[in-house]
Amino acid sequence: MNRIKQLFNIKYPIIQAGMIWNSGYKLASAVSNAGGLGIIGAGSMYPEILREHIQKCQKATDKPFAVNVPMLYPNIEEIIKIIVEEGVKIVFMSAGNPKTWTSFLKENGIIVVHVVSSSKFAIKAQEAGVDAVVAEGFEAGGHNGRDETTTFTLIQMVKEQISIPLIAAGGIATGRGMLAAMVLGADGVQVGSRFAASVESSSHNNFKQTIVDVQEGDTQLTLKELAPVRLIKNKFYDDVQELYKKCPTTEELKNLLGRARAKKGMFEGDLIEGELEIGQIAGLIHDIKPAAQIVKDMMDEFEAAQKEVIKSQLEIANKI
């Protein structure tokens, strides 16, 4: 039995990432109804908005779903309280110390997963008592690790260090990518960019179309001094690069970033001045389609690729 399917009680080991401005209840419930694990992204929601999305998700699906909580969130205590009050069963934590909330959440019967960008933090998460970790590589969209370790390197390094279930993330949007990650030791995959370009994603249609238009090399990891983020190259990105030529202070970078820059780009559709976060794999995303179709296509390709590998292995064995 696959450990991730067993842990979350889901049909397929596909987890939809809790992306800010993309992952509302419509996307989360659609992915869960399709057999994966949908996640509501709390990072772009005020506490009461999160409560509303949880309640709507509970009405839209009778399948398991999760909430992603960036631990740097200013209203973290209120967010955690709402999660417990509303009976959320699975929480994905990111951007913070896993020891802070893991014990409390588990005492309330909640499965806890922590997102990490290195084997060092994976070990700390396991020691804190989390039920699984997401190892997210440099290719990923949104906020990222500073070390620039690629996903396929990171999976193997983390696998060597932990015994709990491992979810691979960063640069995975296809069934073939999913198979490759699992061959390297992952028990499941977390998919962000592919679901950002879905019908149910809460982001603006301008942003979704831009994901489809992105080509290889059109994204770049930047703003490491604040929180590393992979951006689509636009005017705002160019402004950041111009500022870097002057060796800016952290404060100058913060001033340029301002407030609600990601909302402006992804939610309001400002493709010029907005912050447009997406993964490198966007170059392989060519359409906007329903989340259920994305899950089906990934599983169909996964199974086909699996058969190809088995056939190839048999051909090699027959020649020996």
C-alpha atoms as a PDB file:
ATOM      1  CA  MET A   1       0.000   0.000   0.000  1.00  0.00           C
ATOM      2  CA  ASN A   2       1.345   3.431  -0.929  1.00  0.00           C
ATOM      3  CA  ARG A   3       2.180   5.307   2.295  1.00  0.00           C
ATOM      4  CA  ILE A   4       0.790   8.666   1.164  1.00  0.00           C
ATOM      5  CA  LYS A   5      -2.493   7.169  -0.044  1.00  0.00           C
ATOM      6  CA  GLN A   6      -2.772   5.370   3.273  1.00  0.00           C
ATOM      7  CA  LEU A   7      -1.843   8.411   5.402  1.00  0.00           C
ATOM      8  CA  PHE A   8      -4.378  10.728   3.784  1.00  0.00           C
ATOM      9  CA  ASN A   9      -6.940   8.092   2.743  1.00  0.00           C
ATOM     10  CA  ILE A  10      -6.869   9.215  -0.904  1.00  0.00           C
ATOM     11  CA  LYS A  11      -7.068   7.346  -4.227  1.00  0.00           C
ATOM     12  CA  TYR A  12      -3.979   8.830  -5.901  1.00  0.00           C
ATOM     13  CA  PRO A  13      -0.692  10.080  -4.357  1.00  0.00           C
ATOM     14  CA  ILE A  14      -1.159  13.513  -5.929  1.00  0.00           C
ATOM     15  CA  ILE A  15      -1.285  16.551  -3.637  1.00  0.00           C
ATOM     16  CA  GLN A  16      -2.292  19.983  -4.921  1.00  0.00           C
ATOM     17  CA  ALA A  17      -0.043  22.677  -3.457  1.00  0.00           C
ATOM     18  CA  GLY A  18      -1.526  25.349  -1.187  1.00  0.00           C
ATOM     19  CA  MET A  19      -0.561  28.294  -3.380  1.00  0.00           C
ATOM     20  CA  ILE A  20      -1.386  31.860  -2.377  1.00  0.00           C
ATOM     21  CA  TRP A  21      -4.080  33.514  -4.536  1.00  0.00           C
ATOM     22  CA  ASN A  22      -4.668  30.218  -6.377  1.00  0.00           C
ATOM     23  CA  SER A  23      -5.800  27.634  -3.861  1.00  0.00           C
ATOM     24  CA  GLY A  24      -9.314  28.405  -2.699  1.00  0.00           C
ATOM     25  CA  TYR A  25     -12.019  25.887  -1.816  1.00  0.00           C
ATOM     26  CA  LYS A  26     -13.084  25.406  -5.451  1.00  0.00           C
ATOM     27  CA  LEU A  27      -9.677  24.061  -6.462  1.00  0.00           C
ATOM     28  CA  ALA A  28      -9.133  22.088  -3.258  1.00  0.00           C
ATOM     29  CA  SER A  29     -12.526  20.360  -3.435  1.00  0.00           C
ATOM     30  CA  ALA A  30     -12.127  19.628  -7.161  1.00  0.00           C
ATOM     31  CA  VAL A  31      -8.774  17.910  -6.628  1.00  0.00           C
ATOM     32  CA  SER A  32     -10.067  15.949  -3.639  1.00  0.00           C
ATOM     33  CA  ASN A  33     -13.164  14.852  -5.555  1.00  0.00           C
ATOM     34  CA  ALA A  34     -10.872  13.660  -8.365  1.00  0.00           C
ATOM     35  CA  GLY A  35      -8.964  11.379  -5.994  1.00  0.00           C
ATOM     36  CA  GLY A  36      -6.012  13.538  -4.974  1.00  0.00           C
ATOM     37  CA  LEU A  37      -5.548  15.710  -1.895  1.00  0.00           C
ATOM     38  CA  GLY A  38      -6.723  19.288  -2.339  1.00  0.00           C
ATOM     39  CA  ILE A  39      -5.227  22.030  -0.182  1.00  0.00           C
ATOM     40  CA  ILE A  40      -6.651  25.420   0.769  1.00  0.00           C
ATOM     41  CA  GLY A  41      -3.853  28.010   0.817  1.00  0.00           C
ATOM     42  CA  ALA A  42      -4.246  30.074   3.999  1.00  0.00           C
ATOM     43  CA  GLY A  43      -1.309  32.340   3.146  1.00  0.00           C
ATOM     44  CA  SER A  44      -3.461  34.793   1.187  1.00  0.00           C
ATOM     45  CA  MET A  45      -6.538  34.674   3.422  1.00  0.00           C
ATOM     46  CA  TYR A  46      -7.664  36.672   6.436  1.00  0.00           C
ATOM     47  CA  PRO A  47      -8.735  34.319   9.255  1.00  0.00           C
ATOM     48  CA  GLU A  48     -12.487  34.627   8.669  1.00  0.00           C
ATOM     49  CA  ILE A  49     -12.007  34.177   4.913  1.00  0.00           C
ATOM     50  CA  LEU A  50     -10.155  30.950   5.665  1.00  0.00           C
ATOM     51  CA  ARG A  51     -13.030  29.784   7.871  1.00  0.00           C
ATOM     52  CA  GLU A  52     -15.456  30.472   5.020  1.00  0.00           C
ATOM     53  CA  HIS A  53     -13.322  28.496   2.551  1.00  0.00           C
ATOM     54  CA  ILE A  54     -13.023  25.539   4.937  1.00  0.00           C
ATOM     55  CA  GLN A  55     -16.783  25.437   5.432  1.00  0.00           C
ATOM     56  CA  LYS A  56     -17.455  25.696   1.688  1.00  0.00           C
ATOM     57  CA  CYS A  57     -14.895  22.973   0.981  1.00  0.00           C
ATOM     58  CA  GLN A  58     -16.584  20.677   3.504  1.00  0.00           C
ATOM     59  CA  LYS A  59     -19.852  21.176   1.640  1.00  0.00           C
ATOM     60  CA  ALA A  60     -18.246  20.680  -1.788  1.00  0.00           C
ATOM     61  CA  THR A  61     -16.500  17.380  -1.002  1.00  0.00           C
ATOM     62  CA  ASP A  62     -16.814  14.456   1.376  1.00  0.00           C
ATOM     63  CA  LYS A  63     -13.185  13.508   0.622  1.00  0.00           C
ATOM     64  CA  PRO A  64     -10.105  14.472   2.673  1.00  0.00           C
ATOM     65  CA  PHE A  65      -8.606  17.920   2.099  1.00  0.00           C
ATOM     66  CA  ALA A  66      -5.942  19.976   3.869  1.00  0.00           C
ATOM     67  CA  VAL A  67      -5.018  23.551   4.776  1.00  0.00           C
ATOM     68  CA  ASN A  68      -1.563  24.983   4.112  1.00  0.00           C
ATOM     69  CA  VAL A  69      -0.320  27.401   6.784  1.00  0.00           C
ATOM     70  CA  PRO A  70       2.819  29.528   6.304  1.00  0.00           C
ATOM     71  CA  MET A  71       4.092  29.863   9.876  1.00  0.00           C
ATOM     72  CA  LEU A  72       5.222  33.441   9.283  1.00  0.00           C
ATOM     73  CA  TYR A  73       1.533  34.395   8.984  1.00  0.00           C
ATOM     74  CA  PRO A  74       0.838  37.302  11.386  1.00  0.00           C
ATOM     75  CA  ASN A  75      -2.447  35.788  12.628  1.00  0.00           C
ATOM     76  CA  ILE A  76      -1.046  32.281  13.077  1.00  0.00           C
ATOM     77  CA  GLU A  77      -2.706  31.610  16.456  1.00  0.00           C
ATOM     78  CA  GLU A  78      -6.117  32.606  15.137  1.00  0.00           C
ATOM     79  CA  ILE A  79      -5.567  30.518  11.995  1.00  0.00           C
ATOM     80  CA  ILE A  80      -4.680  27.435  14.047  1.00  0.00           C
ATOM     81  CA  LYS A  81      -7.716  27.994  16.270  1.00  0.00           C
ATOM     82  CA  ILE A  82     -10.028  28.135  13.238  1.00  0.00           C
ATOM     83  CA  ILE A  83      -8.474  24.957  11.790  1.00  0.00           C
ATOM     84  CA  VAL A  84      -9.176  23.088  15.034  1.00  0.00           C
ATOM     85  CA  GLU A  85     -12.662  24.551  15.451  1.00  0.00           C
ATOM     86  CA  GLU A  86     -13.682  23.654  11.892  1.00  0.00           C
ATOM     87  CA  GLY A  87     -12.448  20.075  12.193  1.00  0.00           C
ATOM     88  CA  VAL A  88      -9.714  20.185   9.524  1.00  0.00           C
ATOM     89  CA  LYS A  89      -7.972  16.800   9.522  1.00  0.00           C
ATOM     90  CA  ILE A  90      -4.735  17.563   7.641  1.00  0.00           C
ATOM     91  CA  VAL A  91      -2.414  20.580   7.879  1.00  0.00           C
ATOM     92  CA  PHE A  92       0.623  21.384   5.742  1.00  0.00           C
ATOM     93  CA  MET A  93       2.998  23.778   7.546  1.00  0.00           C
ATOM     94  CA  SER A  94       5.722  25.817   5.849  1.00  0.00           C
ATOM     95  CA  ALA A  95       8.209  28.630   6.481  1.00  0.00           C
ATOM     96  CA  GLY A  96       8.926  28.093  10.157  1.00  0.00           C
ATOM     97  CA  ASN A  97      10.003  25.805  12.987  1.00  0.00           C
ATOM     98  CA  PRO A  98       8.006  22.532  12.894  1.00  0.00           C
ATOM     99  CA  LYS A  99       8.252  22.205  16.687  1.00  0.00           C
ATOM    100  CA  THR A 100       6.073  25.271  17.236  1.00  0.00           C
ATOM    101  CA  TRP A 101       2.671  23.783  16.378  1.00  0.00           C
ATOM    102  CA  THR A 102       3.140  20.088  15.552  1.00  0.00           C
ATOM    103  CA  SER A 103       2.429  18.716  19.036  1.00  0.00           C
ATOM    104  CA  PHE A 104      -0.638  20.909  19.512  1.00  0.00           C
ATOM    105  CA  LEU A 105      -2.092  19.941  16.137  1.00  0.00           C
ATOM    106  CA  LYS A 106      -1.449  16.235  16.670  1.00  0.00           C
ATOM    107  CA  GLU A 107      -3.043  16.412  20.133  1.00  0.00           C
ATOM    108  CA  ASN A 108      -6.149  17.630  18.301  1.00  0.00           C
ATOM    109  CA  GLY A 109      -6.112  14.627  15.979  1.00  0.00           C
ATOM    110  CA  ILE A 110      -4.652  16.463  12.976  1.00  0.00           C
ATOM    111  CA  ILE A 111      -2.184  14.923  10.518  1.00  0.00           C
ATOM    112  CA  VAL A 112       0.784  17.286  10.174  1.00  0.00           C
ATOM    113  CA  VAL A 113       3.033  17.659   7.125  1.00  0.00           C
ATOM    114  CA  HIS A 114       5.950  20.090   6.911  1.00  0.00           C
ATOM    115  CA  VAL A 115       7.456  21.582   3.749  1.00  0.00           C
ATOM    116  CA  VAL A 116      11.280  21.591   3.679  1.00  0.00           C
ATOM    117  CA  SER A 117      14.007  22.608   1.230  1.00  0.00           C
ATOM    118  CA  SER A 118      16.892  20.595   2.696  1.00  0.00           C
ATOM    119  CA  SER A 119      17.620  17.276   4.381  1.00  0.00           C
ATOM    120  CA  LYS A 120      18.683  19.195   7.518  1.00  0.00           C
ATOM    121  CA  PHE A 121      15.184  20.629   7.927  1.00  0.00           C
ATOM    122  CA  ALA A 122      13.618  17.294   6.985  1.00  0.00           C
ATOM    123  CA  ILE A 123      15.404  15.689   9.921  1.00  0.00           C
ATOM    124  CA  LYS A 124      14.203  18.484  12.237  1.00  0.00           C
ATOM    125  CA  ALA A 125      10.644  18.021  11.004  1.00  0.00           C
ATOM    126  CA  GLN A 126      10.779  14.282  11.650  1.00  0.00           C
ATOM    127  CA  GLU A 127      12.213  14.892  15.136  1.00  0.00           C
ATOM    128  CA  ALA A 128       9.339  17.327  15.788  1.00  0.00           C
ATOM    129  CA  GLY A 129       6.890  14.498  15.155  1.00  0.00           C
ATOM    130  CA  VAL A 130       5.378  15.404  11.774  1.00  0.00           C
ATOM    131  CA  ASP A 131       3.651  12.626   9.850  1.00  0.00           C
ATOM    132  CA  ALA A 132       5.295  13.380   6.488  1.00  0.00           C
ATOM    133  CA  VAL A 133       7.488  15.942   4.768  1.00  0.00           C
ATOM    134  CA  VAL A 134       7.314  17.705   1.427  1.00  0.00           C
ATOM    135  CA  ALA A 135      10.792  18.102  -0.063  1.00  0.00           C
ATOM    136  CA  GLU A 136      10.528  21.094  -2.391  1.00  0.00           C
ATOM    137  CA  GLY A 137      13.326  21.758  -4.843  1.00  0.00           C
ATOM    138  CA  PHE A 138      14.731  24.856  -6.510  1.00  0.00           C
ATOM    139  CA  GLU A 139      12.469  24.441  -9.556  1.00  0.00           C
ATOM    140  CA  ALA A 140       9.345  25.233  -7.567  1.00  0.00           C
ATOM    141  CA  GLY A 141       7.287  28.377  -7.913  1.00  0.00           C
ATOM    142  CA  GLY A 142       6.501  30.753  -5.080  1.00  0.00           C
ATOM    143  CA  HIS A 143       8.732  30.944  -2.024  1.00  0.00           C
ATOM    144  CA  ASN A 144      11.677  28.631  -2.214  1.00  0.00           C
ATOM    145  CA  GLY A 145      14.828  27.409  -0.487  1.00  0.00           C
ATOM    146  CA  ARG A 146      18.006  29.482  -0.574  1.00  0.00           C
ATOM    147  CA  ASP A 147      20.323  26.569  -1.362  1.00  0.00           C
ATOM    148  CA  GLU A 148      19.068  26.031  -4.915  1.00  0.00           C
ATOM    149  CA  THR A 149      19.034  22.242  -4.504  1.00  0.00           C
ATOM    150  CA  THR A 150      17.120  20.701  -7.385  1.00  0.00           C
ATOM    151  CA  THR A 151      14.164  18.449  -6.681  1.00  0.00           C
ATOM    152  CA  PHE A 152      15.659  15.223  -7.973  1.00  0.00           C
ATOM    153  CA  THR A 153      18.814  15.759  -5.910  1.00  0.00           C
ATOM    154  CA  LEU A 154      16.835  16.785  -2.830  1.00  0.00           C
ATOM    155  CA  ILE A 155      14.480  13.778  -2.906  1.00  0.00           C
ATOM    156  CA  GLN A 156      17.371  11.321  -2.724  1.00  0.00           C
ATOM    157  CA  MET A 157      19.176  13.236   0.017  1.00  0.00           C
ATOM    158  CA  VAL A 158      16.037  13.540   2.148  1.00  0.00           C
ATOM    159  CA  LYS A 159      15.085   9.896   1.532  1.00  0.00           C
ATOM    160  CA  GLU A 160      18.439   8.837   2.951  1.00  0.00           C
ATOM    161  CA  GLN A 161      17.813  10.755   6.182  1.00  0.00           C
ATOM    162  CA  ILE A 162      14.174  10.119   7.148  1.00  0.00           C
ATOM    163  CA  SER A 163      11.834   7.174   7.665  1.00  0.00           C
ATOM    164  CA  ILE A 164       8.463   8.991   7.471  1.00  0.00           C
ATOM    165  CA  PRO A 165       6.582   9.369   4.159  1.00  0.00           C
ATOM    166  CA  LEU A 166       8.192  11.709   1.616  1.00  0.00           C
ATOM    167  CA  ILE A 167       6.358  13.933  -0.870  1.00  0.00           C
ATOM    168  CA  ALA A 168       8.341  15.420  -3.763  1.00  0.00           C
ATOM    169  CA  ALA A 169       7.610  18.951  -4.993  1.00  0.00           C
ATOM    170  CA  GLY A 170       9.105  21.350  -7.507  1.00  0.00           C
ATOM    171  CA  GLY A 171       9.094  20.831 -11.260  1.00  0.00           C
ATOM    172  CA  ILE A 172       6.436  18.093 -11.300  1.00  0.00           C
ATOM    173  CA  ALA A 173       3.399  18.558 -13.531  1.00  0.00           C
ATOM    174  CA  THR A 174       3.215  15.333 -15.539  1.00  0.00           C
ATOM    175  CA  GLY A 175       2.780  11.616 -14.965  1.00  0.00           C
ATOM    176  CA  ARG A 176       6.325  10.997 -16.163  1.00  0.00           C
ATOM    177  CA  GLY A 177       7.658  13.497 -13.651  1.00  0.00           C
ATOM    178  CA  MET A 178       5.614  11.823 -10.956  1.00  0.00           C
ATOM    179  CA  LEU A 179       7.014   8.389 -11.843  1.00  0.00           C
ATOM    180  CA  ALA A 180      10.580   9.710 -11.861  1.00  0.00           C
ATOM    181  CA  ALA A 181      10.116  11.283  -8.414  1.00  0.00           C
ATOM    182  CA  MET A 182       8.720   8.051  -6.997  1.00  0.00           C
ATOM    183  CA  VAL A 183      11.510   5.950  -8.493  1.00  0.00           C
ATOM    184  CA  LEU A 184      13.936   8.228  -6.642  1.00  0.00           C
ATOM    185  CA  GLY A 185      12.200   7.549  -3.348  1.00  0.00           C
ATOM    186  CA  ALA A 186       9.135   9.786  -3.048  1.00  0.00           C
ATOM    187  CA  ASP A 187       5.867   8.264  -1.829  1.00  0.00           C
ATOM    188  CA  GLY A 188       3.820  10.934  -3.620  1.00  0.00           C
ATOM    189  CA  VAL A 189       4.076  14.306  -5.337  1.00  0.00           C
ATOM    190  CA  GLN A 190       2.890  17.830  -4.619  1.00  0.00           C
ATOM    191  CA  VAL A 191       1.890  19.757  -7.733  1.00  0.00           C
ATOM    192  CA  GLY A 192       1.570  23.531  -7.856  1.00  0.00           C
ATOM    193  CA  SER A 193       2.040  25.219 -11.224  1.00  0.00           C
ATOM    194  CA  ARG A 194      -0.085  22.730 -13.184  1.00  0.00           C
ATOM    195  CA  PHE A 195      -3.037  23.345 -10.835  1.00  0.00           C
ATOM    196  CA  ALA A 196      -2.472  27.114 -10.929  1.00  0.00           C
ATOM    197  CA  ALA A 197      -3.429  26.854 -14.598  1.00  0.00           C
ATOM    198  CA  SER A 198      -6.715  25.093 -13.868  1.00  0.00           C
ATOM    199  CA  VAL A 199     -10.295  26.221 -14.351  1.00  0.00           C
ATOM    200  CA  GLU A 200     -10.902  26.126 -10.581  1.00  0.00           C
ATOM    201  CA  SER A 201      -7.799  28.066  -9.563  1.00  0.00           C
ATOM    202  CA  SER A 202      -8.809  31.355  -7.900  1.00  0.00           C
ATOM    203  CA  SER A 203      -6.119  33.342  -9.716  1.00  0.00           C
ATOM    204  CA  HIS A 204      -6.928  35.858 -12.461  1.00  0.00           C
ATOM    205  CA  ASN A 205      -7.364  34.586 -16.014  1.00  0.00           C
ATOM    206  CA  ASN A 206      -4.552  36.933 -17.120  1.00  0.00           C
ATOM    207  CA  PHE A 207      -2.179  35.061 -14.820  1.00  0.00           C
ATOM    208  CA  LYS A 208      -3.422  31.648 -15.949  1.00  0.00           C
ATOM    209  CA  GLN A 209      -2.855  32.574 -19.594  1.00  0.00           C
ATOM    210  CA  THR A 210       0.620  33.864 -18.764  1.00  0.00           C
ATOM    211  CA  ILE A 211       1.470  30.466 -17.249  1.00  0.00           C
ATOM    212  CA  VAL A 212       0.453  28.853 -20.534  1.00  0.00           C
ATOM    213  CA  ASP A 213       2.560  31.374 -22.480  1.00  0.00           C
ATOM    214  CA  VAL A 214       5.705  30.914 -20.370  1.00  0.00           C
ATOM    215  CA  GLN A 215       8.644  29.303 -22.152  1.00  0.00           C
ATOM    216  CA  GLU A 216      11.776  27.637 -20.857  1.00  0.00           C
ATOM    217  CA  GLY A 217      13.956  30.255 -19.143  1.00  0.00           C
ATOM    218  CA  ASP A 218      11.137  32.744 -18.530  1.00  0.00           C
ATOM    219  CA  THR A 219      11.287  32.374 -14.726  1.00  0.00           C
ATOM    220  CA  GLN A 220      14.008  33.217 -12.218  1.00  0.00           C
ATOM    221  CA  LEU A 221      14.609  32.758  -8.495  1.00  0.00           C
ATOM    222  CA  THR A 222      15.223  36.134  -6.863  1.00  0.00           C
ATOM    223  CA  LEU A 223      14.779  38.259  -3.709  1.00  0.00           C
ATOM    224  CA  LYS A 224      16.817  35.822  -1.603  1.00  0.00           C
ATOM    225  CA  GLU A 225      17.496  38.515   0.987  1.00  0.00           C
ATOM    226  CA  LEU A 226      13.769  38.633   1.818  1.00  0.00           C
ATOM    227  CA  ALA A 227      12.240  35.259   0.996  1.00  0.00           C
ATOM    228  CA  PRO A 228      13.443  33.501  -2.184  1.00  0.00           C
ATOM    229  CA  VAL A 229      10.718  33.511  -4.806  1.00  0.00           C
ATOM    230  CA  ARG A 230      10.586  32.268  -8.416  1.00  0.00           C
ATOM    231  CA  LEU A 231       9.076  34.922 -10.661  1.00  0.00           C
ATOM    232  CA  ILE A 232       7.957  35.205 -14.251  1.00  0.00           C
ATOM    233  CA  LYS A 233      10.088  37.868 -15.912  1.00  0.00           C
ATOM    234  CA  ASN A 234       8.021  41.046 -16.328  1.00  0.00           C
ATOM    235  CA  LYS A 235       8.486  44.767 -15.611  1.00  0.00           C
ATOM    236  CA  PHE A 236       8.443  44.219 -11.842  1.00  0.00           C
ATOM    237  CA  TYR A 237      11.085  41.517 -12.184  1.00  0.00           C
ATOM    238  CA  ASP A 238      13.184  43.872 -14.356  1.00  0.00           C
ATOM    239  CA  ASP A 239      12.854  46.594 -11.699  1.00  0.00           C
ATOM    240  CA  VAL A 240      14.184  44.152  -9.102  1.00  0.00           C
ATOM    241  CA  GLN A 241      17.182  43.326 -11.287  1.00  0.00           C
ATOM    242  CA  GLU A 242      17.923  47.007 -11.879  1.00  0.00           C
ATOM    243  CA  LEU A 243      17.886  47.616  -8.144  1.00  0.00           C
ATOM    244  CA  TYR A 244      20.304  44.730  -7.592  1.00  0.00           C
ATOM    245  CA  LYS A 245      22.860  46.527  -9.777  1.00  0.00           C
ATOM    246  CA  LYS A 246      23.071  49.153  -7.016  1.00  0.00           C
ATOM    247  CA  CYS A 247      23.769  46.581  -4.259  1.00  0.00           C
ATOM    248  CA  PRO A 248      20.549  47.430  -2.397  1.00  0.00           C
ATOM    249  CA  THR A 249      19.934  47.061   1.317  1.00  0.00           C
ATOM    250  CA  THR A 250      17.212  44.719   2.539  1.00  0.00           C
ATOM    251  CA  GLU A 251      15.124  47.765   3.336  1.00  0.00           C
ATOM    252  CA  GLU A 252      15.409  49.060  -0.250  1.00  0.00           C
ATOM    253  CA  LEU A 253      14.287  45.656  -1.570  1.00  0.00           C
ATOM    254  CA  LYS A 254      11.326  45.696   0.822  1.00  0.00           C
ATOM    255  CA  ASN A 255      10.380  49.175  -0.346  1.00  0.00           C
ATOM    256  CA  LEU A 256      10.395  48.072  -3.975  1.00  0.00           C
ATOM    257  CA  LEU A 257       8.351  44.962  -3.191  1.00  0.00           C
ATOM    258  CA  GLY A 258       5.814  46.982  -1.224  1.00  0.00           C
ATOM    259  CA  ARG A 259       2.581  45.431  -0.040  1.00  0.00           C
ATOM    260  CA  ALA A 260       0.200  43.075  -1.839  1.00  0.00           C
ATOM    261  CA  ARG A 261       2.467  42.764  -4.884  1.00  0.00           C
ATOM    262  CA  ALA A 262       1.584  39.065  -5.308  1.00  0.00           C
ATOM    263  CA  LYS A 263      -2.135  39.835  -5.008  1.00  0.00           C
ATOM    264  CA  LYS A 264      -1.759  42.532  -7.673  1.00  0.00           C
ATOM    265  CA  GLY A 265      -0.194  40.070 -10.075  1.00  0.00           C
ATOM    266  CA  MET A 266      -1.833  36.706  -9.519  1.00  0.00           C
ATOM    267  CA  PHE A 267      -5.259  37.668  -8.175  1.00  0.00           C
ATOM    268  CA  GLU A 268      -5.903  41.028  -9.844  1.00  0.00           C
ATOM    269  CA  GLY A 269      -4.141  40.158 -13.113  1.00  0.00           C
ATOM    270  CA  ASP A 270      -1.638  43.030 -13.336  1.00  0.00           C
ATOM    271  CA  LEU A 271       0.988  41.410 -15.555  1.00  0.00           C
ATOM    272  CA  ILE A 272       3.249  44.469 -15.555  1.00  0.00           C
ATOM    273  CA  GLU A 273       3.632  45.602 -11.955  1.00  0.00           C
ATOM    274  CA  GLY A 274       2.466  42.401 -10.235  1.00  0.00           C
ATOM    275  CA  GLU A 275       4.523  39.645  -8.657  1.00  0.00           C
ATOM    276  CA  LEU A 276       3.925  36.550 -10.813  1.00  0.00           C
ATOM    277  CA  GLU A 277       5.042  33.398  -8.993  1.00  0.00           C
ATOM    278  CA  ILE A 278       5.312  30.125 -10.930  1.00  0.00           C
ATOM    279  CA  GLY A 279       7.610  27.130 -11.270  1.00  0.00           C
ATOM    280  CA  GLN A 280      10.082  26.286 -14.026  1.00  0.00           C
ATOM    281  CA  ILE A 281       7.740  23.516 -15.194  1.00  0.00           C
ATOM    282  CA  ALA A 282       5.366  26.187 -16.556  1.00  0.00           C
ATOM    283  CA  GLY A 283       7.208  25.746 -19.861  1.00  0.00           C
ATOM    284  CA  LEU A 284       5.481  22.344 -20.113  1.00  0.00           C
ATOM    285  CA  ILE A 285       1.995  23.679 -19.344  1.00  0.00           C
ATOM    286  CA  HIS A 286       0.129  24.408 -22.571  1.00  0.00           C
ATOM    287  CA  ASP A 287      -3.514  24.768 -21.556  1.00  0.00           C
ATOM    288  CA  ILE A 288      -6.001  25.649 -18.835  1.00  0.00           C
ATOM    289  CA  LYS A 289      -8.230  22.728 -17.923  1.00  0.00           C
ATOM    290  CA  PRO A 290     -10.357  21.357 -15.077  1.00  0.00           C
ATOM    291  CA  ALA A 291      -8.535  20.027 -12.031  1.00  0.00           C
ATOM    292  CA  ALA A 292     -10.174  16.618 -12.418  1.00  0.00           C
ATOM    293  CA  GLN A 293      -8.778  16.363 -15.944  1.00  0.00           C
ATOM    294  CA  ILE A 294      -5.306  17.280 -14.675  1.00  0.00           C
ATOM    295  CA  VAL A 295      -5.440  14.474 -12.103  1.00  0.00           C
ATOM    296  CA  LYS A 296      -6.704  11.980 -14.705  1.00  0.00           C
ATOM    297  CA  ASP A 297      -4.088  12.988 -17.282  1.00  0.00           C
ATOM    298  CA  MET A 298      -1.286  12.680 -14.723  1.00  0.00           C
ATOM    299  CA  MET A 299      -2.408   9.224 -13.634  1.00  0.00           C
ATOM    300  CA  ASP A 300      -2.927   8.020 -17.221  1.00  0.00           C
ATOM    301  CA  GLU A 301       0.566   9.202 -18.175  1.00  0.00           C
ATOM    302  CA  PHE A 302       2.042   7.764 -14.963  1.00  0.00           C
ATOM    303  CA  GLU A 303       0.600   4.330 -15.692  1.00  0.00           C
ATOM    304  CA  ALA A 304       1.633   4.439 -19.361  1.00  0.00           C
ATOM    305  CA  ALA A 305       5.183   5.460 -18.451  1.00  0.00           C
ATOM    306  CA  GLN A 306       5.314   2.701 -15.841  1.00  0.00           C
ATOM    307  CA  LYS A 307       4.400   0.134 -18.505  1.00  0.00           C
ATOM    308  CA  GLU A 308       7.045   1.547 -20.853  1.00  0.00           C
ATOM    309  CA  VAL A 309       9.721   1.161 -18.184  1.00  0.00           C
ATOM    310  CA  ILE A 310       8.669  -2.421 -17.407  1.00  0.00           C
ATOM    311  CA  LYS A 311       8.659  -3.272 -21.114  1.00  0.00           C
ATOM    312  CA  SER A 312      12.120  -1.756 -21.547  1.00  0.00           C
ATOM    313  CA  GLN A 313      13.446  -3.694 -18.551  1.00  0.00           C
ATOM    314  CA  LEU A 314      12.089  -6.959 -19.982  1.00  0.00           C
ATOM    315  CA  GLU A 315      13.685  -6.245 -23.362  1.00  0.00           C
ATOM    316  CA  ILE A 316      17.034  -5.623 -21.689  1.00  0.00           C
ATOM    317  CA  ALA A 317      16.694  -8.779 -19.576  1.00  0.00           C
ATOM    318  CA  ASN A 318      15.912 -10.861 -22.647  1.00  0.00           C
ATOM    319  CA  LYS A 319      19.111  -9.656 -24.330  1.00  0.00           C
ATOM    320  CA  ILE A 320      21.333 -10.590 -21.391  1.00  0.00           C
END
